[in-house]
């Protein structure tokens, strides 16, 4: 199954809806371990993305991701703007001329995004960050492709791996960002960045499921 650039924009618009719906939840999570503005920032950022894409006619998916990345960097405060912005800009490069995306393209996109986040954040798995969601999600994506599963079934596994990653962040000590100042007290708190990453992956699954 492939999706068009217009469907990619629909998914991004739905992410905006979900970030707005979860704005207070994400902000409350961040208030416990960070600056208390993650939900506000993510909602503002994706709202700006929606407005930018509304005023542009873009057919190339790489160009869409570039707009997303640049907009998030410009509008999302804290660490999340540079991290998510870099992720989308790195993803833009690997699908630069695509007008459609399939499951193999999604793997390339997510691997490029991961590379950008790791470079920008100087982080790795197990440090209570969005990587604890993104890495297992990529592993589930690879496994599903290798097993020749249906796209929607692969994306179900991806979002479930991401969900488990969020739960995992509750069990570990934060060693990056402001949350690291809490030391052992960061245990039992789920990471807000991991949570927003899960929400995005869940939107992708839910939107692709509608096409079945």
N, C-alpha and C. Protein backbone atom coordinates (compact mmCIF):
# COMPACT_ATOMS: atom_id res chain seq x y z
N UNK A 1 0.84 -1.20 0.00
CA UNK A 1 0.00 0.00 0.00
C UNK A 1 0.87 1.25 0.00
N UNK A 2 0.50 2.21 -0.83
CA UNK A 2 1.18 3.51 -0.86
C UNK A 2 0.18 4.61 -0.53
N UNK A 3 0.70 5.69 0.02
CA UNK A 3 -0.15 6.86 0.26
C UNK A 3 0.41 8.05 -0.50
N UNK A 4 -0.47 8.94 -0.90
CA UNK A 4 -0.10 10.11 -1.68
C UNK A 4 0.33 11.25 -0.77
N UNK A 5 0.88 12.28 -1.39
CA UNK A 5 1.29 13.46 -0.64
C UNK A 5 0.09 14.11 0.06
N UNK A 6 -1.07 14.06 -0.57
CA UNK A 6 -2.26 14.65 0.06
C UNK A 6 -2.65 13.88 1.33
N UNK A 7 -2.46 12.57 1.33
CA UNK A 7 -2.74 11.78 2.52
C UNK A 7 -1.71 12.08 3.61
N UNK A 8 -0.47 12.30 3.22
CA UNK A 8 0.56 12.69 4.20
C UNK A 8 0.14 13.98 4.90
N UNK A 9 -0.37 14.92 4.14
CA UNK A 9 -0.84 16.19 4.73
C UNK A 9 -2.03 15.95 5.65
N UNK A 10 -2.93 15.06 5.24
CA UNK A 10 -4.06 14.72 6.12
C UNK A 10 -3.57 14.15 7.45
N UNK A 11 -2.56 13.29 7.38
CA UNK A 11 -2.01 12.69 8.60
C UNK A 11 -1.39 13.77 9.48
N UNK A 12 -0.66 14.69 8.88
CA UNK A 12 -0.06 15.79 9.64
C UNK A 12 -1.13 16.67 10.29
N UNK A 13 -2.22 16.89 9.57
CA UNK A 13 -3.33 17.68 10.14
C UNK A 13 -3.96 16.94 11.31
N UNK A 14 -4.06 15.62 11.18
CA UNK A 14 -4.62 14.84 12.29
C UNK A 14 -3.67 14.85 13.49
N UNK A 15 -2.37 14.84 13.24
CA UNK A 15 -1.41 14.98 14.33
C UNK A 15 -1.62 16.30 15.05
N UNK A 16 -1.88 17.35 14.30
CA UNK A 16 -2.19 18.65 14.91
C UNK A 16 -3.41 18.52 15.83
N UNK A 17 -4.46 17.85 15.35
CA UNK A 17 -5.65 17.66 16.17
C UNK A 17 -5.31 16.93 17.47
N UNK A 18 -4.53 15.87 17.35
CA UNK A 18 -4.20 15.03 18.51
C UNK A 18 -3.31 15.78 19.49
N UNK A 19 -2.38 16.58 18.98
CA UNK A 19 -1.54 17.36 19.89
C UNK A 19 -2.37 18.40 20.63
N UNK A 20 -3.36 18.95 19.95
CA UNK A 20 -4.25 19.90 20.63
C UNK A 20 -5.11 19.19 21.68
N UNK A 21 -5.63 18.01 21.31
CA UNK A 21 -6.46 17.23 22.24
C UNK A 21 -5.67 16.81 23.48
N UNK A 22 -4.37 16.57 23.31
CA UNK A 22 -3.53 16.07 24.41
C UNK A 22 -2.61 17.16 24.98
N UNK A 23 -2.90 18.40 24.64
CA UNK A 23 -2.04 19.50 25.07
C UNK A 23 -1.88 19.54 26.58
N UNK A 24 -2.97 19.46 27.30
CA UNK A 24 -2.89 19.54 28.77
C UNK A 24 -2.22 18.30 29.35
N UNK A 25 -2.53 17.14 28.79
CA UNK A 25 -1.93 15.89 29.26
C UNK A 25 -0.41 15.92 29.11
N UNK A 26 0.07 16.32 27.94
CA UNK A 26 1.51 16.39 27.70
C UNK A 26 2.17 17.46 28.57
N UNK A 27 1.47 18.55 28.76
CA UNK A 27 1.99 19.63 29.61
C UNK A 27 2.10 19.17 31.06
N UNK A 28 1.09 18.42 31.52
CA UNK A 28 1.13 17.90 32.89
C UNK A 28 2.28 16.90 33.06
N UNK A 29 2.49 16.05 32.07
CA UNK A 29 3.62 15.12 32.13
C UNK A 29 4.94 15.89 32.23
N UNK A 30 5.04 16.94 31.44
CA UNK A 30 6.28 17.73 31.42
C UNK A 30 6.46 18.54 32.70
N UNK A 31 5.35 18.94 33.30
CA UNK A 31 5.44 19.71 34.54
C UNK A 31 6.08 18.88 35.65
N UNK A 32 5.90 17.56 35.58
CA UNK A 32 6.45 16.68 36.61
C UNK A 32 7.95 16.48 36.47
N UNK A 33 8.48 16.62 35.25
CA UNK A 33 9.90 16.30 35.03
C UNK A 33 10.67 17.39 34.28
N UNK A 34 9.99 18.40 33.77
CA UNK A 34 10.67 19.39 32.93
C UNK A 34 10.13 20.79 33.10
N UNK A 35 9.98 21.50 31.98
CA UNK A 35 9.56 22.90 32.01
C UNK A 35 8.05 23.08 32.07
N UNK A 36 7.31 22.01 31.85
CA UNK A 36 5.86 22.12 31.88
C UNK A 36 5.26 22.79 30.67
N UNK A 37 5.90 22.66 29.50
CA UNK A 37 5.37 23.34 28.32
C UNK A 37 5.34 22.44 27.07
N UNK A 38 5.58 21.15 27.24
CA UNK A 38 5.69 20.29 26.06
C UNK A 38 4.39 20.25 25.26
N UNK A 39 3.28 20.08 25.94
CA UNK A 39 2.01 20.04 25.22
C UNK A 39 1.68 21.34 24.53
N UNK A 40 1.93 22.43 25.21
CA UNK A 40 1.69 23.76 24.63
C UNK A 40 2.55 23.94 23.38
N UNK A 41 3.82 23.57 23.51
CA UNK A 41 4.75 23.74 22.39
C UNK A 41 4.38 22.86 21.19
N UNK A 42 4.05 21.60 21.46
CA UNK A 42 3.73 20.68 20.36
C UNK A 42 2.44 21.10 19.66
N UNK A 43 1.46 21.54 20.43
CA UNK A 43 0.22 22.01 19.83
C UNK A 43 0.47 23.24 18.97
N UNK A 44 1.24 24.19 19.48
CA UNK A 44 1.55 25.39 18.72
C UNK A 44 2.33 25.05 17.45
N UNK A 45 3.29 24.14 17.57
CA UNK A 45 4.12 23.78 16.43
C UNK A 45 3.33 23.14 15.31
N UNK A 46 2.49 22.17 15.64
CA UNK A 46 1.75 21.48 14.58
C UNK A 46 0.59 22.32 14.05
N UNK A 47 0.09 23.25 14.86
CA UNK A 47 -0.87 24.19 14.34
C UNK A 47 -0.23 25.08 13.29
N UNK A 48 1.02 25.49 13.56
CA UNK A 48 1.75 26.31 12.58
C UNK A 48 2.05 25.50 11.32
N UNK A 49 2.35 24.21 11.49
CA UNK A 49 2.56 23.32 10.33
C UNK A 49 1.30 23.27 9.47
N UNK A 50 0.17 23.11 10.11
CA UNK A 50 -1.10 23.04 9.38
C UNK A 50 -1.33 24.31 8.57
N UNK A 51 -1.06 25.45 9.17
CA UNK A 51 -1.26 26.72 8.48
C UNK A 51 -0.30 26.87 7.31
N UNK A 52 0.95 26.45 7.51
CA UNK A 52 1.95 26.54 6.42
C UNK A 52 1.55 25.66 5.25
N UNK A 53 1.11 24.45 5.53
CA UNK A 53 0.75 23.53 4.45
C UNK A 53 -0.53 23.94 3.75
N UNK A 54 -1.38 24.66 4.47
CA UNK A 54 -2.63 25.14 3.89
C UNK A 54 -2.38 26.20 2.82
N UNK A 55 -1.30 26.93 2.97
CA UNK A 55 -1.03 28.04 2.05
C UNK A 55 0.01 27.68 0.99
N UNK A 56 0.38 26.39 0.93
CA UNK A 56 1.35 25.95 -0.07
C UNK A 56 0.78 24.78 -0.86
N UNK A 57 1.05 24.75 -2.16
CA UNK A 57 0.70 23.60 -2.98
C UNK A 57 1.97 22.78 -3.17
N UNK A 58 2.05 21.68 -2.46
CA UNK A 58 3.28 20.87 -2.46
C UNK A 58 2.93 19.44 -2.86
N UNK A 59 3.61 18.92 -3.87
CA UNK A 59 3.37 17.56 -4.32
C UNK A 59 4.46 16.58 -3.86
N UNK A 60 5.66 17.09 -3.68
CA UNK A 60 6.78 16.22 -3.28
C UNK A 60 6.77 16.05 -1.76
N UNK A 61 6.82 14.80 -1.32
CA UNK A 61 6.75 14.52 0.11
C UNK A 61 7.99 15.05 0.83
N UNK A 62 9.12 15.03 0.16
CA UNK A 62 10.32 15.61 0.74
C UNK A 62 10.14 17.09 1.05
N UNK A 63 9.47 17.79 0.16
CA UNK A 63 9.21 19.22 0.38
C UNK A 63 8.24 19.43 1.55
N UNK A 64 7.26 18.53 1.67
CA UNK A 64 6.32 18.62 2.80
C UNK A 64 7.09 18.47 4.11
N UNK A 65 7.93 17.45 4.19
CA UNK A 65 8.68 17.21 5.42
C UNK A 65 9.65 18.35 5.73
N UNK A 66 10.19 18.95 4.69
CA UNK A 66 11.09 20.08 4.91
C UNK A 66 10.34 21.25 5.53
N UNK A 67 9.13 21.53 5.03
CA UNK A 67 8.30 22.59 5.61
C UNK A 67 7.98 22.26 7.07
N UNK A 68 7.63 21.01 7.34
CA UNK A 68 7.31 20.61 8.71
C UNK A 68 8.51 20.84 9.62
N UNK A 69 9.67 20.35 9.18
CA UNK A 69 10.86 20.47 10.01
C UNK A 69 11.24 21.91 10.31
N UNK A 70 11.23 22.73 9.28
CA UNK A 70 11.60 24.14 9.47
C UNK A 70 10.59 24.87 10.35
N UNK A 71 9.32 24.53 10.20
CA UNK A 71 8.28 25.17 11.00
C UNK A 71 8.39 24.78 12.47
N UNK A 72 8.65 23.50 12.72
CA UNK A 72 8.78 23.04 14.11
C UNK A 72 9.99 23.68 14.79
N UNK A 73 11.09 23.78 14.07
CA UNK A 73 12.28 24.43 14.64
C UNK A 73 11.96 25.88 15.01
N UNK A 74 11.19 26.54 14.15
CA UNK A 74 10.90 27.97 14.35
C UNK A 74 9.86 28.23 15.43
N UNK A 75 8.98 27.24 15.69
CA UNK A 75 7.83 27.54 16.56
C UNK A 75 7.77 26.73 17.85
N UNK A 76 8.48 25.61 17.92
CA UNK A 76 8.42 24.76 19.11
C UNK A 76 9.58 25.08 20.04
N UNK A 77 9.28 25.44 21.27
CA UNK A 77 10.31 25.80 22.22
C UNK A 77 10.99 24.59 22.84
N UNK A 78 12.00 24.84 23.66
CA UNK A 78 12.71 23.79 24.36
C UNK A 78 13.49 22.89 23.43
N UNK A 79 13.75 21.67 23.89
CA UNK A 79 14.52 20.72 23.08
C UNK A 79 13.70 20.11 21.96
N UNK A 80 12.38 20.08 22.13
CA UNK A 80 11.53 19.36 21.18
C UNK A 80 11.56 19.95 19.78
N UNK A 81 11.62 21.27 19.66
CA UNK A 81 11.66 21.90 18.35
C UNK A 81 12.84 21.45 17.51
N UNK A 82 14.06 21.62 18.01
CA UNK A 82 15.22 21.15 17.25
C UNK A 82 15.22 19.65 16.99
N UNK A 83 14.73 18.86 17.97
CA UNK A 83 14.76 17.40 17.80
C UNK A 83 13.75 16.95 16.74
N UNK A 84 12.50 17.34 16.90
CA UNK A 84 11.50 16.95 15.91
C UNK A 84 11.75 17.64 14.57
N UNK A 85 12.20 18.88 14.60
CA UNK A 85 12.50 19.58 13.36
C UNK A 85 13.60 18.90 12.58
N UNK A 86 14.67 18.52 13.27
CA UNK A 86 15.77 17.81 12.62
C UNK A 86 15.29 16.47 12.08
N UNK A 87 14.44 15.78 12.84
CA UNK A 87 13.91 14.49 12.39
C UNK A 87 13.20 14.63 11.05
N UNK A 88 12.33 15.62 10.93
CA UNK A 88 11.59 15.79 9.68
C UNK A 88 12.50 16.26 8.54
N UNK A 89 13.47 17.10 8.85
CA UNK A 89 14.36 17.57 7.78
C UNK A 89 15.26 16.45 7.27
N UNK A 90 15.71 15.57 8.17
CA UNK A 90 16.48 14.40 7.74
C UNK A 90 15.61 13.46 6.92
N UNK A 91 14.36 13.29 7.36
CA UNK A 91 13.43 12.44 6.62
C UNK A 91 13.17 13.00 5.22
N UNK A 92 13.14 14.31 5.11
CA UNK A 92 12.88 14.95 3.81
C UNK A 92 13.91 14.54 2.76
N UNK A 93 15.14 14.36 3.20
CA UNK A 93 16.21 14.04 2.26
C UNK A 93 16.02 12.67 1.62
N UNK A 94 15.58 11.68 2.41
CA UNK A 94 15.51 10.31 1.89
C UNK A 94 14.28 10.06 1.02
N UNK A 95 13.30 10.98 1.06
CA UNK A 95 12.14 10.85 0.17
C UNK A 95 11.96 12.14 -0.64
N UNK A 96 13.08 12.72 -1.00
CA UNK A 96 13.09 14.05 -1.59
C UNK A 96 12.16 14.20 -2.78
N UNK A 97 12.14 13.20 -3.67
CA UNK A 97 11.35 13.33 -4.90
C UNK A 97 10.09 12.47 -4.91
N UNK A 98 9.80 11.83 -3.81
CA UNK A 98 8.62 10.96 -3.75
C UNK A 98 7.32 11.76 -3.80
N UNK A 99 6.37 11.24 -4.55
CA UNK A 99 5.00 11.75 -4.49
C UNK A 99 4.08 10.75 -3.81
N UNK A 100 4.63 9.58 -3.48
CA UNK A 100 3.92 8.57 -2.70
C UNK A 100 4.88 7.94 -1.71
N UNK A 101 4.32 7.36 -0.65
CA UNK A 101 5.12 6.65 0.35
C UNK A 101 4.55 5.26 0.54
N UNK A 102 5.42 4.24 0.60
CA UNK A 102 4.98 2.91 0.99
C UNK A 102 5.68 2.53 2.30
N UNK A 103 5.48 1.32 2.76
CA UNK A 103 5.99 0.92 4.06
C UNK A 103 7.52 0.91 4.09
N UNK A 104 8.15 0.60 2.96
CA UNK A 104 9.62 0.64 2.91
C UNK A 104 10.14 2.07 2.97
N UNK A 105 9.40 2.99 2.37
CA UNK A 105 9.76 4.40 2.48
C UNK A 105 9.63 4.88 3.92
N UNK A 106 8.59 4.39 4.61
CA UNK A 106 8.41 4.78 6.01
C UNK A 106 9.60 4.33 6.85
N UNK A 107 10.11 3.15 6.56
CA UNK A 107 11.30 2.69 7.29
C UNK A 107 12.47 3.63 7.04
N UNK A 108 12.68 4.02 5.79
CA UNK A 108 13.77 4.97 5.48
C UNK A 108 13.56 6.29 6.20
N UNK A 109 12.32 6.75 6.22
CA UNK A 109 11.98 8.01 6.89
C UNK A 109 12.29 7.93 8.38
N UNK A 110 11.86 6.84 9.01
CA UNK A 110 12.05 6.72 10.46
C UNK A 110 13.52 6.52 10.82
N UNK A 111 14.26 5.80 10.00
CA UNK A 111 15.69 5.62 10.28
C UNK A 111 16.43 6.94 10.12
N UNK A 112 16.07 7.73 9.12
CA UNK A 112 16.70 9.04 8.94
C UNK A 112 16.34 9.96 10.09
N UNK A 113 15.07 9.92 10.52
CA UNK A 113 14.63 10.74 11.65
C UNK A 113 15.39 10.37 12.91
N UNK A 114 15.54 9.07 13.13
CA UNK A 114 16.29 8.59 14.30
C UNK A 114 17.73 9.09 14.28
N UNK A 115 18.36 9.00 13.12
CA UNK A 115 19.74 9.49 12.99
C UNK A 115 19.82 10.97 13.35
N UNK A 116 18.86 11.75 12.87
CA UNK A 116 18.85 13.18 13.17
C UNK A 116 18.66 13.47 14.64
N UNK A 117 17.75 12.74 15.27
CA UNK A 117 17.48 12.95 16.69
C UNK A 117 18.69 12.56 17.53
N UNK A 118 19.32 11.43 17.20
CA UNK A 118 20.48 10.99 17.97
C UNK A 118 21.63 11.97 17.82
N UNK A 119 21.80 12.51 16.62
CA UNK A 119 22.87 13.49 16.40
C UNK A 119 22.58 14.78 17.15
N UNK A 120 21.36 15.27 17.04
CA UNK A 120 21.00 16.55 17.65
C UNK A 120 20.94 16.45 19.17
N UNK A 121 20.39 15.35 19.67
CA UNK A 121 20.18 15.22 21.11
C UNK A 121 21.32 14.55 21.86
N UNK A 122 22.27 13.98 21.11
CA UNK A 122 23.39 13.25 21.74
C UNK A 122 22.85 12.25 22.75
N UNK A 123 21.80 11.53 22.34
CA UNK A 123 21.14 10.59 23.24
C UNK A 123 21.18 9.18 22.65
N UNK A 124 20.85 8.21 23.49
CA UNK A 124 20.74 6.83 23.06
C UNK A 124 19.60 6.17 23.82
N UNK A 125 19.29 4.93 23.45
CA UNK A 125 18.19 4.22 24.11
C UNK A 125 18.48 4.06 25.60
N UNK A 126 17.42 4.05 26.39
CA UNK A 126 17.56 3.80 27.82
C UNK A 126 17.82 5.03 28.66
N UNK A 127 17.69 6.22 28.05
CA UNK A 127 17.93 7.46 28.78
C UNK A 127 16.64 8.25 29.05
N UNK A 128 15.50 7.58 28.88
CA UNK A 128 14.19 8.18 29.15
C UNK A 128 13.92 9.36 28.21
N UNK A 129 13.95 9.06 26.93
CA UNK A 129 13.68 10.07 25.91
C UNK A 129 12.77 9.48 24.83
N UNK A 130 12.47 10.26 23.82
CA UNK A 130 11.68 9.78 22.69
C UNK A 130 12.33 8.60 21.98
N UNK A 131 13.63 8.42 22.13
CA UNK A 131 14.31 7.29 21.50
C UNK A 131 13.80 5.96 22.04
N UNK A 132 13.33 5.96 23.28
CA UNK A 132 12.81 4.73 23.87
C UNK A 132 11.48 4.31 23.26
N UNK A 133 10.90 5.16 22.46
CA UNK A 133 9.72 4.84 21.66
C UNK A 133 10.12 4.61 20.20
N UNK A 134 10.96 5.46 19.67
CA UNK A 134 11.27 5.42 18.23
C UNK A 134 12.09 4.18 17.87
N UNK A 135 13.06 3.82 18.68
CA UNK A 135 13.90 2.66 18.35
C UNK A 135 13.09 1.36 18.34
N UNK A 136 12.31 1.05 19.39
CA UNK A 136 11.50 -0.17 19.29
C UNK A 136 10.46 -0.12 18.17
N UNK A 137 9.97 1.07 17.86
CA UNK A 137 9.02 1.19 16.74
C UNK A 137 9.70 0.82 15.42
N UNK A 138 10.91 1.29 15.24
CA UNK A 138 11.66 0.94 14.02
C UNK A 138 11.93 -0.56 13.97
N UNK A 139 12.28 -1.14 15.10
CA UNK A 139 12.54 -2.58 15.14
C UNK A 139 11.29 -3.37 14.76
N UNK A 140 10.13 -2.92 15.24
CA UNK A 140 8.87 -3.58 14.88
C UNK A 140 8.56 -3.41 13.40
N UNK A 141 8.89 -2.24 12.87
CA UNK A 141 8.69 -1.96 11.44
C UNK A 141 9.55 -2.89 10.59
N UNK A 142 10.81 -3.02 10.95
CA UNK A 142 11.71 -3.92 10.22
C UNK A 142 11.22 -5.36 10.27
N UNK A 143 10.80 -5.79 11.45
CA UNK A 143 10.33 -7.17 11.62
C UNK A 143 9.10 -7.43 10.76
N UNK A 144 8.17 -6.49 10.76
CA UNK A 144 6.96 -6.66 9.97
C UNK A 144 7.23 -6.73 8.48
N UNK A 145 8.15 -5.90 8.02
CA UNK A 145 8.52 -5.92 6.60
C UNK A 145 9.16 -7.25 6.24
N UNK A 146 10.08 -7.71 7.10
CA UNK A 146 10.79 -8.96 6.81
C UNK A 146 9.84 -10.16 6.82
N UNK A 147 8.77 -10.06 7.61
CA UNK A 147 7.78 -11.14 7.68
C UNK A 147 6.68 -10.99 6.62
N UNK A 148 6.80 -9.94 5.80
CA UNK A 148 5.87 -9.70 4.69
C UNK A 148 4.42 -9.55 5.18
N UNK A 149 4.26 -8.89 6.31
CA UNK A 149 2.93 -8.64 6.85
C UNK A 149 2.23 -7.55 6.05
N UNK A 150 0.93 -7.47 6.20
CA UNK A 150 0.17 -6.37 5.61
C UNK A 150 0.57 -5.06 6.26
N UNK A 151 0.49 -3.98 5.49
CA UNK A 151 0.91 -2.66 5.99
C UNK A 151 0.19 -2.29 7.29
N UNK A 152 -1.11 -2.46 7.33
CA UNK A 152 -1.85 -2.05 8.53
C UNK A 152 -1.46 -2.89 9.74
N UNK A 153 -1.13 -4.16 9.51
CA UNK A 153 -0.69 -5.02 10.62
C UNK A 153 0.70 -4.62 11.11
N UNK A 154 1.55 -4.23 10.18
CA UNK A 154 2.88 -3.73 10.57
C UNK A 154 2.73 -2.48 11.41
N UNK A 155 1.88 -1.57 10.97
CA UNK A 155 1.72 -0.31 11.70
C UNK A 155 1.07 -0.52 13.06
N UNK A 156 0.23 -1.55 13.17
CA UNK A 156 -0.31 -1.90 14.49
C UNK A 156 0.83 -2.32 15.41
N UNK A 157 1.72 -3.19 14.91
CA UNK A 157 2.87 -3.62 15.71
C UNK A 157 3.77 -2.44 16.08
N UNK A 158 3.92 -1.51 15.15
CA UNK A 158 4.76 -0.33 15.39
C UNK A 158 4.19 0.50 16.52
N UNK A 159 2.89 0.77 16.46
CA UNK A 159 2.29 1.63 17.50
C UNK A 159 2.24 0.90 18.84
N UNK A 160 2.11 -0.42 18.84
CA UNK A 160 2.14 -1.18 20.09
C UNK A 160 3.54 -1.18 20.70
N UNK A 161 4.57 -1.29 19.85
CA UNK A 161 5.95 -1.20 20.33
C UNK A 161 6.22 0.18 20.91
N UNK A 162 5.67 1.19 20.26
CA UNK A 162 5.82 2.56 20.75
C UNK A 162 5.12 2.73 22.10
N UNK A 163 3.94 2.17 22.21
CA UNK A 163 3.19 2.25 23.47
C UNK A 163 3.96 1.58 24.60
N UNK A 164 4.55 0.41 24.31
CA UNK A 164 5.37 -0.27 25.31
C UNK A 164 6.59 0.56 25.68
N UNK A 165 7.13 1.29 24.70
CA UNK A 165 8.27 2.16 24.96
C UNK A 165 7.92 3.26 25.93
N UNK A 166 6.72 3.83 25.80
CA UNK A 166 6.27 4.84 26.75
C UNK A 166 6.22 4.26 28.16
N UNK A 167 5.67 3.05 28.29
CA UNK A 167 5.60 2.40 29.60
C UNK A 167 6.99 2.15 30.16
N UNK A 168 7.90 1.79 29.29
CA UNK A 168 9.29 1.54 29.71
C UNK A 168 9.92 2.79 30.31
N UNK A 169 9.58 3.96 29.77
CA UNK A 169 10.19 5.19 30.30
C UNK A 169 9.81 5.44 31.76
N UNK A 170 8.72 4.84 32.21
CA UNK A 170 8.33 4.99 33.62
C UNK A 170 9.28 4.25 34.56
N UNK A 171 10.01 3.28 34.02
CA UNK A 171 10.81 2.39 34.87
C UNK A 171 12.27 2.80 34.98
N UNK A 172 12.68 3.84 34.24
CA UNK A 172 14.10 4.19 34.18
C UNK A 172 14.35 5.62 34.64
N UNK A 173 15.60 5.87 34.98
CA UNK A 173 16.02 7.19 35.44
C UNK A 173 16.35 8.07 34.24
N UNK A 174 15.88 9.29 34.26
CA UNK A 174 16.21 10.25 33.20
C UNK A 174 17.66 10.68 33.32
N UNK A 175 18.37 10.68 32.19
CA UNK A 175 19.76 11.14 32.19
C UNK A 175 20.00 12.25 31.17
N UNK A 176 18.91 12.72 30.55
CA UNK A 176 19.00 13.81 29.59
C UNK A 176 18.01 14.91 29.96
N UNK A 177 18.37 16.15 29.65
CA UNK A 177 17.47 17.28 29.83
C UNK A 177 17.20 17.60 31.29
N UNK A 178 16.18 18.43 31.49
CA UNK A 178 15.84 18.87 32.85
C UNK A 178 15.38 17.72 33.74
N UNK A 179 14.81 16.71 33.13
CA UNK A 179 14.35 15.56 33.92
C UNK A 179 15.50 14.88 34.65
N UNK A 180 16.72 14.98 34.09
CA UNK A 180 17.88 14.33 34.72
C UNK A 180 18.20 14.94 36.08
N UNK A 181 17.74 16.19 36.31
CA UNK A 181 18.00 16.82 37.61
C UNK A 181 17.27 16.10 38.75
N UNK A 182 16.22 15.35 38.41
CA UNK A 182 15.44 14.67 39.43
C UNK A 182 16.10 13.38 39.92
N UNK A 183 17.01 12.84 39.12
CA UNK A 183 17.67 11.60 39.51
C UNK A 183 16.65 10.48 39.70
N UNK A 184 16.75 9.76 40.82
CA UNK A 184 15.85 8.63 41.10
C UNK A 184 14.38 9.04 41.13
N UNK A 185 14.12 10.30 41.43
CA UNK A 185 12.73 10.76 41.51
C UNK A 185 12.05 10.81 40.14
N UNK A 186 12.84 10.67 39.07
CA UNK A 186 12.23 10.64 37.74
C UNK A 186 11.58 9.29 37.44
N UNK A 187 11.93 8.27 38.22
CA UNK A 187 11.30 6.96 38.04
C UNK A 187 9.81 7.07 38.37
N UNK A 188 9.01 6.38 37.61
CA UNK A 188 7.54 6.32 37.66
C UNK A 188 6.88 7.39 36.80
N UNK A 189 7.64 8.37 36.35
CA UNK A 189 7.10 9.38 35.44
C UNK A 189 7.36 8.96 33.99
N UNK A 190 6.34 9.03 33.15
CA UNK A 190 6.56 8.72 31.73
C UNK A 190 7.09 9.96 31.03
N UNK A 191 7.94 9.72 30.05
CA UNK A 191 8.60 10.83 29.37
C UNK A 191 7.63 11.52 28.41
N UNK A 192 7.52 12.84 28.49
CA UNK A 192 6.58 13.55 27.61
C UNK A 192 6.97 13.47 26.13
N UNK A 193 8.26 13.54 25.82
CA UNK A 193 8.69 13.43 24.43
C UNK A 193 8.41 12.06 23.85
N UNK A 194 8.62 11.01 24.65
CA UNK A 194 8.27 9.65 24.23
C UNK A 194 6.78 9.54 23.98
N UNK A 195 6.01 10.21 24.81
CA UNK A 195 4.55 10.17 24.68
C UNK A 195 4.08 10.85 23.41
N UNK A 196 4.64 12.01 23.10
CA UNK A 196 4.24 12.69 21.87
C UNK A 196 4.66 11.90 20.63
N UNK A 197 5.81 11.22 20.72
CA UNK A 197 6.23 10.36 19.60
C UNK A 197 5.24 9.22 19.40
N UNK A 198 4.82 8.60 20.50
CA UNK A 198 3.82 7.54 20.41
C UNK A 198 2.53 8.06 19.78
N UNK A 199 2.09 9.23 20.20
CA UNK A 199 0.85 9.79 19.67
C UNK A 199 0.93 9.96 18.15
N UNK A 200 2.08 10.39 17.64
CA UNK A 200 2.25 10.54 16.19
C UNK A 200 2.16 9.19 15.48
N UNK A 201 2.83 8.19 16.03
CA UNK A 201 2.82 6.87 15.40
C UNK A 201 1.44 6.25 15.46
N UNK A 202 0.71 6.51 16.52
CA UNK A 202 -0.65 6.00 16.62
C UNK A 202 -1.56 6.66 15.58
N UNK A 203 -1.35 7.95 15.33
CA UNK A 203 -2.13 8.63 14.29
C UNK A 203 -1.87 7.98 12.93
N UNK A 204 -0.62 7.69 12.63
CA UNK A 204 -0.30 7.05 11.35
C UNK A 204 -1.06 5.74 11.21
N UNK A 205 -1.03 4.91 12.27
CA UNK A 205 -1.75 3.65 12.24
C UNK A 205 -3.25 3.88 12.03
N UNK A 206 -3.82 4.77 12.81
CA UNK A 206 -5.27 4.99 12.73
C UNK A 206 -5.69 5.51 11.36
N UNK A 207 -4.87 6.38 10.78
CA UNK A 207 -5.22 6.93 9.47
C UNK A 207 -5.08 5.90 8.34
N UNK A 208 -4.05 5.06 8.43
CA UNK A 208 -3.88 4.02 7.41
C UNK A 208 -4.96 2.95 7.55
N UNK A 209 -5.34 2.66 8.78
CA UNK A 209 -6.41 1.66 9.02
C UNK A 209 -7.71 2.08 8.33
N UNK A 210 -7.96 3.38 8.24
CA UNK A 210 -9.17 3.88 7.59
C UNK A 210 -9.21 3.53 6.11
N UNK A 211 -8.04 3.26 5.52
CA UNK A 211 -7.97 2.99 4.08
C UNK A 211 -8.27 1.53 3.76
N UNK A 212 -8.38 0.70 4.80
CA UNK A 212 -8.61 -0.74 4.58
C UNK A 212 -10.05 -0.99 4.11
